[in-house]
C-alpha atoms as a PDB file:
ATOM      1  CA  TRP A   1      -0.193  -0.124   0.126  1.00  0.00           C
ATOM      2  CA  TYR A   2       3.040   2.138   0.774  1.00  0.00           C
ATOM      3  CA  ILE A   3       4.240   2.148  -2.507  1.00  0.00           C
ATOM      4  CA  VAL A   4       0.906   1.914  -4.450  1.00  0.00           C
ATOM      5  CA  SER A   5      -0.019   5.563  -2.295  1.00  0.00           C
ATOM      6  CA  SER A   6       3.948   7.047  -3.004  1.00  0.00           C
ATOM      7  CA  MET A   7       3.191   6.591  -6.486  1.00  0.00           C
ATOM      8  CA  GLY A   8      -0.695   8.148  -6.751  1.00  0.00           C
ATOM      9  CA  LEU A   9      -2.884   5.357  -7.238  1.00  0.00           C
ATOM     10  CA  LEU A  10      -4.140   6.815 -10.434  1.00  0.00           C
ATOM     11  CA  ASP A  11      -0.704   6.460 -11.920  1.00  0.00           C
ATOM     12  CA  PHE A  12      -0.412   2.850 -10.461  1.00  0.00           C
ATOM     13  CA  ILE A  13      -4.028   1.927 -12.278  1.00  0.00           C
ATOM     14  CA  TYR A  14      -3.422   3.700 -15.136  1.00  0.00           C
ATOM     15  CA  PRO A  15       0.418   4.358 -15.736  1.00  0.00           C
ATOM     16  CA  LYS A  16       1.852   7.606 -17.635  1.00  0.00           C
ATOM     17  CA  ARG A  17       2.809   6.784 -21.236  1.00  0.00           C
ATOM     18  CA  CYS A  18       4.816   8.985 -23.722  1.00  0.00           C
ATOM     19  CA  VAL A  19       2.504  10.716 -25.722  1.00  0.00           C
ATOM     20  CA  VAL A  20       4.651  10.550 -28.860  1.00  0.00           C
ATOM     21  CA  CYS A  21       6.891   7.046 -28.351  1.00  0.00           C
ATOM     22  CA  LYS A  22       4.371   4.784 -25.375  1.00  0.00           C
ATOM     23  CA  ASP A  23       7.116   4.184 -23.492  1.00  0.00           C
ATOM     24  CA  GLY A  24       5.945   4.171 -19.714  1.00  0.00           C
ATOM     25  CA  GLY A  25       6.473   6.568 -17.015  1.00  0.00           C
ATOM     26  CA  GLU A  26       5.882   9.933 -18.242  1.00  0.00           C
ATOM     27  CA  TYR A  27       3.646  12.040 -20.731  1.00  0.00           C
ATOM     28  CA  LEU A  28       6.974  13.294 -22.755  1.00  0.00           C
ATOM     29  CA  CYS A  29       9.591  11.249 -22.098  1.00  0.00           C
ATOM     30  CA  GLY A  30      13.141  13.026 -22.354  1.00  0.00           C
ATOM     31  CA  ASN A  31      14.066  11.629 -25.622  1.00  0.00           C
ATOM     32  CA  CYS A  32      10.903  13.110 -27.551  1.00  0.00           C
ATOM     33  CA  PHE A  33      11.339  15.793 -25.303  1.00  0.00           C
ATOM     34  CA  SER A  34      14.213  17.009 -27.047  1.00  0.00           C
ATOM     35  CA  TYR A  35      12.545  17.024 -29.897  1.00  0.00           C
ATOM     36  CA  LEU A  36       9.926  20.358 -29.116  1.00  0.00           C
ATOM     37  CA  SER A  37      11.174  23.120 -30.717  1.00  0.00           C
ATOM     38  CA  PHE A  38      10.400  26.828 -28.572  1.00  0.00           C
ATOM     39  CA  ASP A  39       9.035  29.074 -31.365  1.00  0.00           C
ATOM     40  CA  THR A  40      10.716  31.828 -32.232  1.00  0.00           C
ATOM     41  CA  LYS A  41       9.155  33.224 -35.588  1.00  0.00           C
ATOM     42  CA  SER A  42       7.702  36.487 -34.903  1.00  0.00           C
ATOM     43  CA  LEU A  43       5.319  37.228 -37.056  1.00  0.00           C
ATOM     44  CA  CYS A  44       2.181  40.973 -37.348  1.00  0.00           C
ATOM     45  CA  LEU A  45      -1.002  38.705 -37.551  1.00  0.00           C
ATOM     46  CA  VAL A  46      -2.717  41.273 -40.092  1.00  0.00           C
ATOM     47  CA  CYS A  47       0.063  41.061 -42.544  1.00  0.00           C
ATOM     48  CA  LYS A  48       1.641  37.977 -42.095  1.00  0.00           C
ATOM     49  CA  LYS A  49       5.246  39.625 -42.284  1.00  0.00           C
ATOM     50  CA  PRO A  50       8.218  39.027 -39.871  1.00  0.00           C
ATOM     51  CA  SER A  51       7.425  41.391 -36.761  1.00  0.00           C
ATOM     52  CA  PHE A  52      10.961  41.748 -35.075  1.00  0.00           C
ATOM     53  CA  ASN A  53       9.223  42.364 -31.397  1.00  0.00           C
ATOM     54  CA  GLY A  54       5.841  39.866 -31.652  1.00  0.00           C
ATOM     55  CA  LEU A  55       3.661  43.155 -32.325  1.00  0.00           C
ATOM     56  CA  THR A  56       1.576  44.097 -35.027  1.00  0.00           C
ATOM     57  CA  HIS A  57       2.942  46.456 -37.203  1.00  0.00           C
ATOM     58  CA  PRO A  58       2.290  50.420 -36.651  1.00  0.00           C
ATOM     59  CA  ASN A  59       1.131  50.428 -40.140  1.00  0.00           C
ATOM     60  CA  CYS A  60      -1.000  47.206 -39.868  1.00  0.00           C
ATOM     61  CA  CYS A  61      -2.585  48.558 -37.017  1.00  0.00           C
ATOM     62  CA  SER A  62      -6.472  49.913 -36.426  1.00  0.00           C
ATOM     63  CA  LYS A  63      -9.040  50.621 -33.604  1.00  0.00           C
ATOM     64  CA  TYR A  64     -10.115  47.200 -33.880  1.00  0.00           C
ATOM     65  CA  THR A  65      -6.832  44.796 -34.909  1.00  0.00           C
ATOM     66  CA  ILE A  66      -4.923  42.651 -32.295  1.00  0.00           C
ATOM     67  CA  ASP A  67      -2.188  44.236 -30.910  1.00  0.00           C
ATOM     68  CA  GLY A  68       0.457  41.555 -31.110  1.00  0.00           C
ATOM     69  CA  CYS A  69       1.020  37.572 -30.511  1.00  0.00           C
ATOM     70  CA  PHE A  70       3.309  35.085 -28.897  1.00  0.00           C
ATOM     71  CA  SER A  71       3.830  31.928 -29.113  1.00  0.00           C
ATOM     72  CA  ALA A  72       5.765  28.903 -27.005  1.00  0.00           C
ATOM     73  CA  LEU A  73       6.201  26.213 -29.656  1.00  0.00           C
ATOM     74  CA  SER A  74       6.820  25.199 -33.430  1.00  0.00           C
ATOM     75  CA  TYR A  75       3.781  23.023 -33.971  1.00  0.00           C
ATOM     76  CA  ASN A  76       5.917  19.715 -34.488  1.00  0.00           C
ATOM     77  CA  LYS A  77       5.313  16.653 -34.850  1.00  0.00           C
ATOM     78  CA  THR A  78       6.352  16.212 -30.980  1.00  0.00           C
ATOM     79  CA  ALA A  79       3.680  19.165 -30.001  1.00  0.00           C
ATOM     80  CA  LYS A  80       1.058  18.000 -32.415  1.00  0.00           C
ATOM     81  CA  LYS A  81       0.809  15.183 -30.016  1.00  0.00           C
ATOM     82  CA  LEU A  82       0.710  16.576 -27.103  1.00  0.00           C
ATOM     83  CA  ILE A  83      -1.481  18.978 -27.879  1.00  0.00           C
ATOM     84  CA  TYR A  84      -4.075  16.621 -29.986  1.00  0.00           C
ATOM     85  CA  SER A  85      -3.777  14.236 -26.606  1.00  0.00           C
ATOM     86  CA  PHE A  86      -4.600  17.341 -24.682  1.00  0.00           C
ATOM     87  CA  LYS A  87      -7.972  17.795 -27.400  1.00  0.00           C
ATOM     88  CA  TYR A  88      -9.331  14.586 -28.433  1.00  0.00           C
ATOM     89  CA  LYS A  89      -9.527  10.949 -27.068  1.00  0.00           C
ATOM     90  CA  PRO A  90      -8.305  10.090 -24.636  1.00  0.00           C
ATOM     91  CA  TYR A  91      -9.112  13.792 -23.629  1.00  0.00           C
ATOM     92  CA  LEU A  92      -5.940  13.558 -21.733  1.00  0.00           C
ATOM     93  CA  LYS A  93      -6.659  16.676 -19.092  1.00  0.00           C
ATOM     94  CA  ASP A  94      -3.961  15.679 -16.793  1.00  0.00           C
ATOM     95  CA  LEU A  95      -1.181  17.267 -19.955  1.00  0.00           C
ATOM     96  CA  LYS A  96      -2.261  20.744 -18.295  1.00  0.00           C
ATOM     97  CA  THR A  97       0.015  20.964 -15.634  1.00  0.00           C
ATOM     98  CA  PHE A  98       2.801  19.885 -18.296  1.00  0.00           C
ATOM     99  CA  LEU A  99       1.910  22.130 -21.112  1.00  0.00           C
ATOM    100  CA  THR A 100       1.166  24.933 -19.036  1.00  0.00           C
ATOM    101  CA  ASP A 101       4.811  24.673 -17.512  1.00  0.00           C
ATOM    102  CA  LEU A 102       6.049  24.939 -21.403  1.00  0.00           C
ATOM    103  CA  PHE A 103       4.207  27.639 -22.327  1.00  0.00           C
ATOM    104  CA  TYR A 104       4.992  29.626 -19.263  1.00  0.00           C
ATOM    105  CA  GLU A 105       8.691  29.029 -19.125  1.00  0.00           C
ATOM    106  CA  SER A 106       8.971  30.250 -22.773  1.00  0.00           C
ATOM    107  CA  LEU A 107       6.627  33.293 -22.137  1.00  0.00           C
ATOM    108  CA  ILE A 108       8.897  34.629 -18.830  1.00  0.00           C
ATOM    109  CA  GLN A 109      11.786  34.225 -21.004  1.00  0.00           C
ATOM    110  CA  ASN A 110      10.178  36.104 -24.168  1.00  0.00           C
ATOM    111  CA  GLU A 111      11.533  39.830 -23.509  1.00  0.00           C
ATOM    112  CA  ASN A 112       8.518  41.584 -25.568  1.00  0.00           C
ATOM    113  CA  PHE A 113       6.233  39.371 -23.925  1.00  0.00           C
ATOM    114  CA  ASN A 114       7.890  40.949 -20.082  1.00  0.00           C
ATOM    115  CA  ARG A 115       7.552  44.620 -21.482  1.00  0.00           C
ATOM    116  CA  GLU A 116       3.620  44.158 -22.281  1.00  0.00           C
ATOM    117  CA  LEU A 117       4.041  42.650 -18.481  1.00  0.00           C
ATOM    118  CA  ARG A 118       5.491  45.532 -17.377  1.00  0.00           C
ATOM    119  CA  ILE A 119       2.709  48.079 -18.555  1.00  0.00           C
ATOM    120  CA  ALA A 120       1.937  50.418 -15.589  1.00  0.00           C
ATOM    121  CA  LEU A 121      -2.226  49.751 -14.604  1.00  0.00           C
ATOM    122  CA  PRO A 122      -4.394  49.916 -12.305  1.00  0.00           C
ATOM    123  CA  ALA A 123      -4.964  46.854  -9.906  1.00  0.00           C
ATOM    124  CA  GLY A 124      -6.655  44.058 -12.275  1.00  0.00           C
ATOM    125  CA  GLY A 125      -5.838  46.285 -15.366  1.00  0.00           C
ATOM    126  CA  GLN A 126      -4.625  43.017 -16.636  1.00  0.00           C
ATOM    127  CA  VAL A 127      -6.831  39.914 -17.320  1.00  0.00           C
ATOM    128  CA  PHE A 128      -6.103  36.326 -19.293  1.00  0.00           C
ATOM    129  CA  VAL A 129      -9.405  35.618 -21.198  1.00  0.00           C
ATOM    130  CA  PRO A 130     -10.000  32.195 -22.901  1.00  0.00           C
ATOM    131  CA  VAL A 131     -11.114  31.689 -27.109  1.00  0.00           C
ATOM    132  CA  PRO A 132     -14.269  29.924 -26.487  1.00  0.00           C
ATOM    133  CA  ILE A 133     -15.165  26.907 -28.229  1.00  0.00           C
ATOM    134  CA  PHE A 134     -19.005  25.991 -29.180  1.00  0.00           C
ATOM    135  CA  LYS A 135     -21.482  25.025 -26.219  1.00  0.00           C
ATOM    136  CA  GLU A 136     -21.706  20.974 -28.350  1.00  0.00           C
ATOM    137  CA  LYS A 137     -18.147  20.620 -28.286  1.00  0.00           C
ATOM    138  CA  LEU A 138     -17.667  21.223 -24.564  1.00  0.00           C
ATOM    139  CA  ARG A 139     -20.314  18.858 -23.379  1.00  0.00           C
ATOM    140  CA  LYS A 140     -18.411  16.377 -25.214  1.00  0.00           C
ATOM    141  CA  ARG A 141     -15.164  16.753 -24.179  1.00  0.00           C
ATOM    142  CA  GLY A 142     -16.057  18.598 -20.949  1.00  0.00           C
ATOM    143  CA  TYR A 143     -13.529  21.399 -20.576  1.00  0.00           C
ATOM    144  CA  ASN A 144     -12.500  24.194 -23.414  1.00  0.00           C
ATOM    145  CA  GLN A 145      -8.663  23.678 -23.815  1.00  0.00           C
ATOM    146  CA  ALA A 146      -7.941  27.245 -24.089  1.00  0.00           C
ATOM    147  CA  GLU A 147      -9.873  27.804 -20.869  1.00  0.00           C
ATOM    148  CA  VAL A 148      -7.396  25.574 -19.233  1.00  0.00           C
ATOM    149  CA  LEU A 149      -4.467  27.008 -20.476  1.00  0.00           C
ATOM    150  CA  SER A 150      -5.592  30.152 -19.516  1.00  0.00           C
ATOM    151  CA  PHE A 151      -6.428  29.565 -16.085  1.00  0.00           C
ATOM    152  CA  GLU A 152      -3.499  28.134 -15.117  1.00  0.00           C
ATOM    153  CA  LEU A 153      -1.652  30.474 -16.684  1.00  0.00           C
ATOM    154  CA  ALA A 154      -3.334  33.401 -14.941  1.00  0.00           C
ATOM    155  CA  LYS A 155      -2.686  31.645 -11.869  1.00  0.00           C
ATOM    156  CA  ARG A 156       1.231  31.562 -12.050  1.00  0.00           C
ATOM    157  CA  PHE A 157       1.271  35.155 -13.456  1.00  0.00           C
ATOM    158  CA  ASN A 158      -0.888  36.397 -10.568  1.00  0.00           C
ATOM    159  CA  LEU A 159      -3.245  37.642 -12.722  1.00  0.00           C
ATOM    160  CA  LYS A 160      -7.131  38.183 -13.451  1.00  0.00           C
ATOM    161  CA  PHE A 161      -8.742  34.830 -15.764  1.00  0.00           C
ATOM    162  CA  LEU A 162     -12.173  36.221 -17.211  1.00  0.00           C
ATOM    163  CA  GLY A 163     -13.799  33.846 -19.165  1.00  0.00           C
ATOM    164  CA  ILE A 164     -15.642  37.067 -20.930  1.00  0.00           C
ATOM    165  CA  LEU A 165     -16.030  35.439 -24.430  1.00  0.00           C
ATOM    166  CA  GLU A 166     -18.864  31.976 -26.067  1.00  0.00           C
ATOM    167  CA  LYS A 167     -19.067  31.061 -29.099  1.00  0.00           C
ATOM    168  CA  GLY A 168     -22.246  31.901 -30.277  1.00  0.00           C
ATOM    169  CA  LYS A 169     -22.084  29.667 -33.472  1.00  0.00           C
ATOM    170  CA  ASN A 170     -20.669  26.294 -34.342  1.00  0.00           C
ATOM    171  CA  THR A 171     -18.215  27.157 -36.955  1.00  0.00           C
ATOM    172  CA  SER A 172     -16.680  24.272 -39.503  1.00  0.00           C
ATOM    173  CA  SER A 173     -13.045  22.669 -38.095  1.00  0.00           C
ATOM    174  CA  GLN A 174     -10.736  25.516 -39.883  1.00  0.00           C
ATOM    175  CA  VAL A 175      -8.593  22.568 -40.696  1.00  0.00           C
ATOM    176  CA  ASN A 176      -7.620  22.175 -44.381  1.00  0.00           C
ATOM    177  CA  LEU A 177      -9.422  25.929 -45.208  1.00  0.00           C
ATOM    178  CA  THR A 178      -7.673  28.452 -46.906  1.00  0.00           C
ATOM    179  CA  GLU A 179      -6.765  31.963 -44.908  1.00  0.00           C
ATOM    180  CA  LYS A 180      -9.929  33.598 -46.376  1.00  0.00           C
ATOM    181  CA  GLN A 181     -12.039  30.556 -45.810  1.00  0.00           C
ATOM    182  CA  ARG A 182     -11.170  30.495 -42.015  1.00  0.00           C
ATOM    183  CA  ARG A 183     -11.576  34.965 -41.938  1.00  0.00           C
ATOM    184  CA  GLU A 184     -14.866  33.766 -43.036  1.00  0.00           C
ATOM    185  CA  ASN A 185     -15.528  30.858 -41.042  1.00  0.00           C
ATOM    186  CA  VAL A 186     -15.467  32.331 -37.645  1.00  0.00           C
ATOM    187  CA  LYS A 187     -16.767  36.160 -38.678  1.00  0.00           C
ATOM    188  CA  GLY A 188     -19.190  36.714 -35.960  1.00  0.00           C
ATOM    189  CA  ALA A 189     -18.303  34.187 -34.146  1.00  0.00           C
ATOM    190  CA  PHE A 190     -17.535  35.740 -30.901  1.00  0.00           C
ATOM    191  CA  LEU A 191     -19.471  37.714 -28.499  1.00  0.00           C
ATOM    192  CA  ILE A 192     -19.595  38.872 -24.793  1.00  0.00           C
ATOM    193  CA  LYS A 193     -21.117  37.164 -22.364  1.00  0.00           C
ATOM    194  CA  ARG A 194     -24.124  38.038 -20.745  1.00  0.00           C
ATOM    195  CA  GLY A 195     -24.204  40.471 -18.256  1.00  0.00           C
ATOM    196  CA  PHE A 196     -20.523  40.745 -19.009  1.00  0.00           C
ATOM    197  CA  VAL A 197     -20.040  43.768 -20.964  1.00  0.00           C
ATOM    198  CA  GLY A 198     -18.750  46.998 -19.456  1.00  0.00           C
ATOM    199  CA  LEU A 199     -15.610  44.688 -17.925  1.00  0.00           C
ATOM    200  CA  LEU A 200     -13.534  45.423 -20.233  1.00  0.00           C
ATOM    201  CA  GLU A 201     -12.945  48.672 -20.728  1.00  0.00           C
ATOM    202  CA  ASN A 202      -9.520  50.062 -20.853  1.00  0.00           C
ATOM    203  CA  LYS A 203      -8.095  46.393 -19.701  1.00  0.00           C
ATOM    204  CA  ASN A 204      -5.051  45.137 -21.086  1.00  0.00           C
ATOM    205  CA  ILE A 205      -5.653  41.090 -22.592  1.00  0.00           C
ATOM    206  CA  PHE A 206      -3.758  38.569 -22.723  1.00  0.00           C
ATOM    207  CA  LEU A 207      -5.991  36.327 -25.496  1.00  0.00           C
ATOM    208  CA  ILE A 208      -4.774  32.419 -24.695  1.00  0.00           C
ATOM    209  CA  ASP A 209      -5.666  29.575 -27.366  1.00  0.00           C
ATOM    210  CA  ASP A 210      -3.486  26.693 -27.991  1.00  0.00           C
ATOM    211  CA  VAL A 211      -2.763  26.786 -31.583  1.00  0.00           C
ATOM    212  CA  LEU A 212      -1.975  29.372 -33.981  1.00  0.00           C
ATOM    213  CA  THR A 213      -1.827  29.177 -37.810  1.00  0.00           C
ATOM    214  CA  THR A 214      -2.998  32.055 -39.869  1.00  0.00           C
ATOM    215  CA  GLY A 215      -4.387  34.045 -36.705  1.00  0.00           C
ATOM    216  CA  SER A 216      -7.967  34.423 -37.977  1.00  0.00           C
ATOM    217  CA  THR A 217      -9.517  33.016 -34.775  1.00  0.00           C
ATOM    218  CA  LEU A 218      -7.216  35.750 -32.530  1.00  0.00           C
ATOM    219  CA  LEU A 219      -8.031  38.606 -35.111  1.00  0.00           C
ATOM    220  CA  GLU A 220     -11.808  38.041 -34.843  1.00  0.00           C
ATOM    221  CA  ALA A 221     -12.058  37.639 -30.998  1.00  0.00           C
ATOM    222  CA  ALA A 222      -9.524  40.932 -30.639  1.00  0.00           C
ATOM    223  CA  ASN A 223     -12.032  42.802 -32.893  1.00  0.00           C
ATOM    224  CA  VAL A 224     -14.837  41.350 -30.356  1.00  0.00           C
ATOM    225  CA  LEU A 225     -12.787  42.330 -27.342  1.00  0.00           C
ATOM    226  CA  LYS A 226     -11.514  45.706 -28.804  1.00  0.00           C
ATOM    227  CA  ARG A 227     -14.990  46.658 -29.541  1.00  0.00           C
ATOM    228  CA  SER A 228     -16.158  45.751 -25.773  1.00  0.00           C
ATOM    229  CA  GLY A 229     -13.524  48.413 -24.536  1.00  0.00           C
ATOM    230  CA  ALA A 230      -9.944  46.576 -23.886  1.00  0.00           C
ATOM    231  CA  LYS A 231      -7.382  48.990 -24.676  1.00  0.00           C
ATOM    232  CA  ARG A 232      -4.703  46.457 -25.872  1.00  0.00           C
ATOM    233  CA  VAL A 233      -4.945  43.114 -26.951  1.00  0.00           C
ATOM    234  CA  ILE A 234      -2.051  40.448 -27.221  1.00  0.00           C
ATOM    235  CA  GLY A 235      -2.429  36.809 -28.252  1.00  0.00           C
ATOM    236  CA  LEU A 236      -0.510  34.197 -26.370  1.00  0.00           C
ATOM    237  CA  THR A 237      -0.753  30.265 -27.875  1.00  0.00           C
ATOM    238  CA  LEU A 238       0.973  27.581 -26.687  1.00  0.00           C
ATOM    239  CA  ALA A 239       2.067  26.387 -30.494  1.00  0.00           C
ATOM    240  CA  ARG A 240       2.713  28.678 -33.510  1.00  0.00           C
ATOM    241  CA  ASP A 241       1.972  26.383 -36.422  1.00  0.00           C
END
């Protein structure tokens, strides 16, 4: 019984296995961990051209555009396996700690992100907001992966978490869509939850999602947040494709 207790009962009954090579012990073994690549590319999400500081180019900015985006990992085979296992069957929600650790460590080592954290604001002026998923998908999965990551990051940074967005329509999967189709697919998909209007006034928002591909989802969500009073919106994603 002492051995079982020290290992953790669940780990004893359902031992952890590497999501990539299936070796026992951890969700990602040391060998497979070495294949993770911390993302260093910085692109303006509006024009898709390089941005030296991760922020939207001044000439690409408008009143309702996103202000920048930082990503932790390159979306390679290893990262894909981790995120897929987190989002889809077998729904390894227990991966949240490991993934949050990766996310957090990447962010605190990013000087451009740290500059955003140092912006002087009143207490409560910086808020973590997750990109929502449609209610039917939420019921099926039992959790929103972006919300889990956002909540955990907010705790690490000792900042406020606010699940203020909801997805008002069931969009098609963004996979295999062109950039134009992605923009059309998410257009009008997000709205502020009833009773939350007014809470974003002059807030700086860190908008959290799992994977960044074309940026269409973040751009649309940022538009809604800005129109609801947010002063600044910075996207944060676990991985960048």
